[in-house]
C-alpha atoms as a PDB file:
ATOM      1  CA  MET A   1     -28.986  -8.194  41.615  1.00  0.00           C
ATOM      2  CA  VAL A   2     -29.422  -4.364  42.287  1.00  0.00           C
ATOM      3  CA  THR A   3     -28.383  -2.183  45.735  1.00  0.00           C
ATOM      4  CA  PRO A   4     -31.309   0.147  46.391  1.00  0.00           C
ATOM      5  CA  GLY A   5     -29.999   3.213  46.802  1.00  0.00           C
ATOM      6  CA  LEU A   6     -26.670   2.851  44.630  1.00  0.00           C
ATOM      7  CA  ASN A   7     -27.894   1.597  41.193  1.00  0.00           C
ATOM      8  CA  ALA A   8     -31.212   2.041  41.377  1.00  0.00           C
ATOM      9  CA  PRO A   9     -33.081   4.653  38.600  1.00  0.00           C
ATOM     10  CA  ARG A  10     -33.506   8.385  39.999  1.00  0.00           C
ATOM     11  CA  GLN A  11     -37.073   9.527  40.631  1.00  0.00           C
ATOM     12  CA  PRO A  12     -36.907  12.975  40.210  1.00  0.00           C
ATOM     13  CA  SER A  13     -39.544  14.669  42.324  1.00  0.00           C
ATOM     14  CA  THR A  14     -40.262  17.406  39.852  1.00  0.00           C
ATOM     15  CA  HIS A  15     -39.965  18.987  36.398  1.00  0.00           C
ATOM     16  CA  ARG A  16     -36.867  20.688  35.299  1.00  0.00           C
ATOM     17  CA  GLY A  17     -39.144  23.469  34.467  1.00  0.00           C
ATOM     18  CA  ASP A  18     -40.182  23.560  38.172  1.00  0.00           C
ATOM     19  CA  VAL A  19     -36.383  23.713  39.509  1.00  0.00           C
ATOM     20  CA  ILE A  20     -35.931  26.046  36.733  1.00  0.00           C
ATOM     21  CA  ILE A  21     -38.990  28.530  37.334  1.00  0.00           C
ATOM     22  CA  ARG A  22     -38.101  27.943  41.528  1.00  0.00           C
ATOM     23  CA  LEU A  23     -34.378  28.785  40.728  1.00  0.00           C
ATOM     24  CA  SER A  24     -35.519  31.972  38.182  1.00  0.00           C
ATOM     25  CA  ILE A  25     -37.698  33.226  41.530  1.00  0.00           C
ATOM     26  CA  ALA A  26     -34.609  32.635  43.706  1.00  0.00           C
ATOM     27  CA  CYS A  27     -32.288  34.775  41.538  1.00  0.00           C
ATOM     28  CA  GLY A  28     -35.514  37.653  41.211  1.00  0.00           C
ATOM     29  CA  LEU A  29     -35.502  37.618  45.343  1.00  0.00           C
ATOM     30  CA  ILE A  30     -32.054  37.983  44.834  1.00  0.00           C
ATOM     31  CA  ALA A  31     -31.973  40.836  42.715  1.00  0.00           C
ATOM     32  CA  ILE A  32     -34.944  42.673  44.676  1.00  0.00           C
ATOM     33  CA  THR A  33     -33.436  42.360  47.935  1.00  0.00           C
ATOM     34  CA  VAL A  34     -29.974  44.490  46.394  1.00  0.00           C
ATOM     35  CA  ALA A  35     -31.877  46.323  44.992  1.00  0.00           C
ATOM     36  CA  ILE A  36     -33.836  47.031  48.276  1.00  0.00           C
ATOM     37  CA  GLN A  37     -30.156  47.408  50.089  1.00  0.00           C
ATOM     38  CA  ALA A  38     -28.979  49.839  47.543  1.00  0.00           C
ATOM     39  CA  LEU A  39     -31.754  51.934  47.807  1.00  0.00           C
ATOM     40  CA  PHE A  40     -31.709  52.078  51.766  1.00  0.00           C
ATOM     41  CA  MET A  41     -27.985  52.475  51.553  1.00  0.00           C
ATOM     42  CA  SER A  42     -28.183  55.866  49.018  1.00  0.00           C
ATOM     43  CA  ALA A  43     -30.812  56.896  50.920  1.00  0.00           C
ATOM     44  CA  GLY A  44     -28.679  56.683  54.133  1.00  0.00           C
ATOM     45  CA  LEU A  45     -25.323  58.143  52.678  1.00  0.00           C
ATOM     46  CA  HIS A  46     -27.302  60.810  51.682  1.00  0.00           C
ATOM     47  CA  ALA A  47     -28.825  61.555  54.680  1.00  0.00           C
ATOM     48  CA  LEU A  48     -25.099  61.322  56.831  1.00  0.00           C
ATOM     49  CA  ARG A  49     -24.196  63.776  53.959  1.00  0.00           C
ATOM     50  CA  ARG A  50     -27.089  66.515  54.704  1.00  0.00           C
ATOM     51  CA  ILE A  51     -26.635  66.191  58.263  1.00  0.00           C
ATOM     52  CA  ASP A  52     -22.867  66.483  58.193  1.00  0.00           C
ATOM     53  CA  GLU A  53     -23.418  69.595  55.787  1.00  0.00           C
ATOM     54  CA  ARG A  54     -26.786  71.042  58.115  1.00  0.00           C
ATOM     55  CA  ARG A  55     -25.182  70.462  61.393  1.00  0.00           C
ATOM     56  CA  LYS A  56     -21.599  70.632  60.837  1.00  0.00           C
ATOM     57  CA  PHE A  57     -20.124  69.192  63.865  1.00  0.00           C
ATOM     58  CA  PHE A  58     -23.265  67.124  65.191  1.00  0.00           C
ATOM     59  CA  ALA A  59     -21.551  63.518  63.980  1.00  0.00           C
ATOM     60  CA  TYR A  60     -18.097  64.288  64.974  1.00  0.00           C
ATOM     61  CA  ARG A  61     -19.367  65.231  68.409  1.00  0.00           C
ATOM     62  CA  HIS A  62     -21.983  62.237  69.163  1.00  0.00           C
ATOM     63  CA  PRO A  63     -20.212  59.276  66.903  1.00  0.00           C
ATOM     64  CA  THR A  64     -21.559  56.712  68.835  1.00  0.00           C
ATOM     65  CA  VAL A  65     -25.487  58.679  68.737  1.00  0.00           C
ATOM     66  CA  VAL A  66     -24.957  58.279  64.489  1.00  0.00           C
ATOM     67  CA  THR A  67     -22.942  54.701  64.827  1.00  0.00           C
ATOM     68  CA  VAL A  68     -26.498  52.963  66.898  1.00  0.00           C
ATOM     69  CA  ALA A  69     -29.124  55.271  64.407  1.00  0.00           C
ATOM     70  CA  TRP A  70     -26.979  54.077  61.206  1.00  0.00           C
ATOM     71  CA  VAL A  71     -26.727  50.438  62.645  1.00  0.00           C
ATOM     72  CA  ILE A  72     -30.435  50.050  63.639  1.00  0.00           C
ATOM     73  CA  TYR A  73     -31.337  51.901  60.194  1.00  0.00           C
ATOM     74  CA  LEU A  74     -29.757  49.013  58.028  1.00  0.00           C
ATOM     75  CA  ILE A  75     -31.473  46.307  59.859  1.00  0.00           C
ATOM     76  CA  PHE A  76     -34.772  47.639  58.502  1.00  0.00           C
ATOM     77  CA  PRO A  77     -33.975  46.583  54.884  1.00  0.00           C
ATOM     78  CA  ILE A  78     -32.800  42.924  56.166  1.00  0.00           C
ATOM     79  CA  ILE A  79     -36.057  43.025  57.609  1.00  0.00           C
ATOM     80  CA  ILE A  80     -37.780  44.043  54.447  1.00  0.00           C
ATOM     81  CA  ASP A  81     -35.573  41.426  52.759  1.00  0.00           C
ATOM     82  CA  VAL A  82     -36.656  38.251  55.343  1.00  0.00           C
ATOM     83  CA  CYS A  83     -40.155  39.104  55.003  1.00  0.00           C
ATOM     84  CA  LEU A  84     -39.851  38.953  51.155  1.00  0.00           C
ATOM     85  CA  TRP A  85     -38.932  35.572  51.588  1.00  0.00           C
ATOM     86  CA  ALA A  86     -40.853  34.592  54.230  1.00  0.00           C
ATOM     87  CA  ALA A  87     -43.995  35.456  51.552  1.00  0.00           C
ATOM     88  CA  PHE A  88     -42.250  33.536  48.843  1.00  0.00           C
ATOM     89  CA  TYR A  89     -42.428  30.151  50.580  1.00  0.00           C
ATOM     90  CA  TYR A  90     -45.925  31.233  52.498  1.00  0.00           C
ATOM     91  CA  VAL A  91     -47.362  31.843  49.037  1.00  0.00           C
ATOM     92  CA  ALA A  92     -45.648  28.858  47.241  1.00  0.00           C
ATOM     93  CA  GLU A  93     -46.956  26.701  50.275  1.00  0.00           C
ATOM     94  CA  ALA A  94     -43.543  25.610  50.500  1.00  0.00           C
ATOM     95  CA  LEU A  95     -44.886  26.577  54.478  1.00  0.00           C
ATOM     96  CA  PRO A  96     -47.970  25.930  55.972  1.00  0.00           C
ATOM     97  CA  SER A  97     -48.053  29.233  57.819  1.00  0.00           C
ATOM     98  CA  PHE A  98     -46.139  33.168  57.669  1.00  0.00           C
ATOM     99  CA  GLU A  99     -45.156  32.470  61.505  1.00  0.00           C
ATOM    100  CA  GLU A 100     -42.889  29.778  60.152  1.00  0.00           C
ATOM    101  CA  ALA A 101     -41.922  30.902  56.974  1.00  0.00           C
ATOM    102  CA  PHE A 102     -40.772  34.132  58.622  1.00  0.00           C
ATOM    103  CA  TYR A 103     -38.875  32.016  61.099  1.00  0.00           C
ATOM    104  CA  PHE A 104     -37.221  29.806  58.794  1.00  0.00           C
ATOM    105  CA  SER A 105     -36.555  32.613  56.820  1.00  0.00           C
ATOM    106  CA  THR A 106     -34.620  34.462  59.435  1.00  0.00           C
ATOM    107  CA  VAL A 107     -32.805  31.224  60.883  1.00  0.00           C
ATOM    108  CA  THR A 108     -31.800  30.779  56.646  1.00  0.00           C
ATOM    109  CA  PHE A 109     -31.415  34.659  55.916  1.00  0.00           C
ATOM    110  CA  THR A 110     -28.755  35.033  58.753  1.00  0.00           C
ATOM    111  CA  THR A 111     -27.324  31.679  58.046  1.00  0.00           C
ATOM    112  CA  VAL A 112     -28.158  30.045  61.555  1.00  0.00           C
ATOM    113  CA  GLY A 113     -29.451  27.158  60.215  1.00  0.00           C
ATOM    114  CA  TYR A 114     -30.713  25.185  63.303  1.00  0.00           C
ATOM    115  CA  GLY A 115     -32.784  22.814  61.719  1.00  0.00           C
ATOM    116  CA  ASP A 116     -35.671  22.613  63.439  1.00  0.00           C
ATOM    117  CA  ILE A 117     -38.336  23.875  60.463  1.00  0.00           C
ATOM    118  CA  VAL A 118     -36.803  22.494  56.865  1.00  0.00           C
ATOM    119  CA  LEU A 119     -38.186  22.599  53.693  1.00  0.00           C
ATOM    120  CA  GLY A 120     -39.664  19.716  51.254  1.00  0.00           C
ATOM    121  CA  ARG A 121     -37.401  17.927  49.109  1.00  0.00           C
ATOM    122  CA  ASP A 122     -38.512  20.191  46.124  1.00  0.00           C
ATOM    123  CA  TRP A 123     -37.490  23.833  48.085  1.00  0.00           C
ATOM    124  CA  ARG A 124     -34.261  22.649  49.538  1.00  0.00           C
ATOM    125  CA  GLN A 125     -31.906  24.457  46.832  1.00  0.00           C
ATOM    126  CA  ILE A 126     -33.987  27.681  47.331  1.00  0.00           C
ATOM    127  CA  ALA A 127     -32.879  27.871  51.263  1.00  0.00           C
ATOM    128  CA  THR A 128     -29.066  27.721  49.725  1.00  0.00           C
ATOM    129  CA  PHE A 129     -30.213  31.169  47.457  1.00  0.00           C
ATOM    130  CA  GLU A 130     -31.360  32.866  50.279  1.00  0.00           C
ATOM    131  CA  ALA A 131     -28.816  31.382  52.721  1.00  0.00           C
ATOM    132  CA  VAL A 132     -26.247  33.042  49.926  1.00  0.00           C
ATOM    133  CA  ASN A 133     -28.321  35.942  49.813  1.00  0.00           C
ATOM    134  CA  GLY A 134     -28.428  36.693  53.278  1.00  0.00           C
ATOM    135  CA  TRP A 135     -24.404  36.346  53.455  1.00  0.00           C
ATOM    136  CA  ILE A 136     -24.414  39.155  50.423  1.00  0.00           C
ATOM    137  CA  ILE A 137     -26.517  41.625  52.642  1.00  0.00           C
ATOM    138  CA  PHE A 138     -24.942  40.838  55.641  1.00  0.00           C
ATOM    139  CA  GLY A 139     -21.316  41.904  53.861  1.00  0.00           C
ATOM    140  CA  TRP A 140     -23.093  44.617  52.646  1.00  0.00           C
ATOM    141  CA  ALA A 141     -24.263  45.907  55.316  1.00  0.00           C
ATOM    142  CA  THR A 142     -21.313  45.372  57.554  1.00  0.00           C
ATOM    143  CA  ALA A 143     -19.373  47.172  55.070  1.00  0.00           C
ATOM    144  CA  LEU A 144     -21.770  50.337  55.063  1.00  0.00           C
ATOM    145  CA  MET A 145     -20.993  49.880  59.053  1.00  0.00           C
ATOM    146  CA  MET A 146     -17.101  50.405  58.923  1.00  0.00           C
ATOM    147  CA  ALA A 147     -17.408  53.117  56.522  1.00  0.00           C
ATOM    148  CA  VAL A 148     -19.195  55.478  58.380  1.00  0.00           C
ATOM    149  CA  ILE A 149     -17.640  54.229  61.782  1.00  0.00           C
ATOM    150  CA  GLN A 150     -13.995  54.829  59.991  1.00  0.00           C
ATOM    151  CA  ARG A 151     -15.433  58.482  58.655  1.00  0.00           C
ATOM    152  CA  LEU A 152     -16.726  59.223  62.391  1.00  0.00           C
ATOM    153  CA  TYR A 153     -13.804  57.861  64.144  1.00  0.00           C
ATOM    154  CA  PHE A 154     -10.704  58.200  62.241  1.00  0.00           C
ATOM    155  CA  ARG A 155     -11.181  61.273  60.419  1.00  0.00           C
ATOM    156  CA  GLU A 156      -9.040  64.299  61.270  1.00  0.00           C
ATOM    157  CA  PRO A 157     -10.626  67.005  63.749  1.00  0.00           C
ATOM    158  CA  GLU A 158     -10.935  70.578  61.387  1.00  0.00           C
ATOM    159  CA  PRO A 159      -8.315  73.475  62.489  1.00  0.00           C
ATOM    160  CA  GLY A 160      -9.277  74.677  65.685  1.00  0.00           C
ATOM    161  CA  ARG A 161     -11.492  72.388  66.380  1.00  0.00           C
ATOM    162  CA  HIS A 162     -11.247  69.937  68.869  1.00  0.00           C
ATOM    163  CA  ARG A 163     -13.444  66.982  69.803  1.00  0.00           C
ATOM    164  CA  ASP A 164     -15.467  67.467  72.831  1.00  0.00           C
END
């Protein structure tokens, strides 16, 4: 006698080719989000250097303003990343509306994972890639925030200057 679930033959829900295609798309989305983050990082750090050069003591005298602006700036590529993943879920018909796809993507990318909206069996592994992607991007953004904070708050004052 065969016990259902233990010795029953597996019934694949998709072909291997479909799985490979979906995983390849997930890897492509990760590559795109990393490129987006790199572009924003490069542009943001370039802007901070220009501020330092042109308005020599602005960042030094107003580190809180610069920190808040930097954090808000770093949120933009994250929003773009979440939208990219949401668009994928919506176009692939993994979720019925863009609103649900955006909500699901936000919850997954931030690794909150409420579980109130779930993907079908064919799409579950893709969501794990998005969660890993969010973990990488948030770690990177945190490192960038700390680098700027360290530069703003922990650098030595120039000779003859005192922090106001």
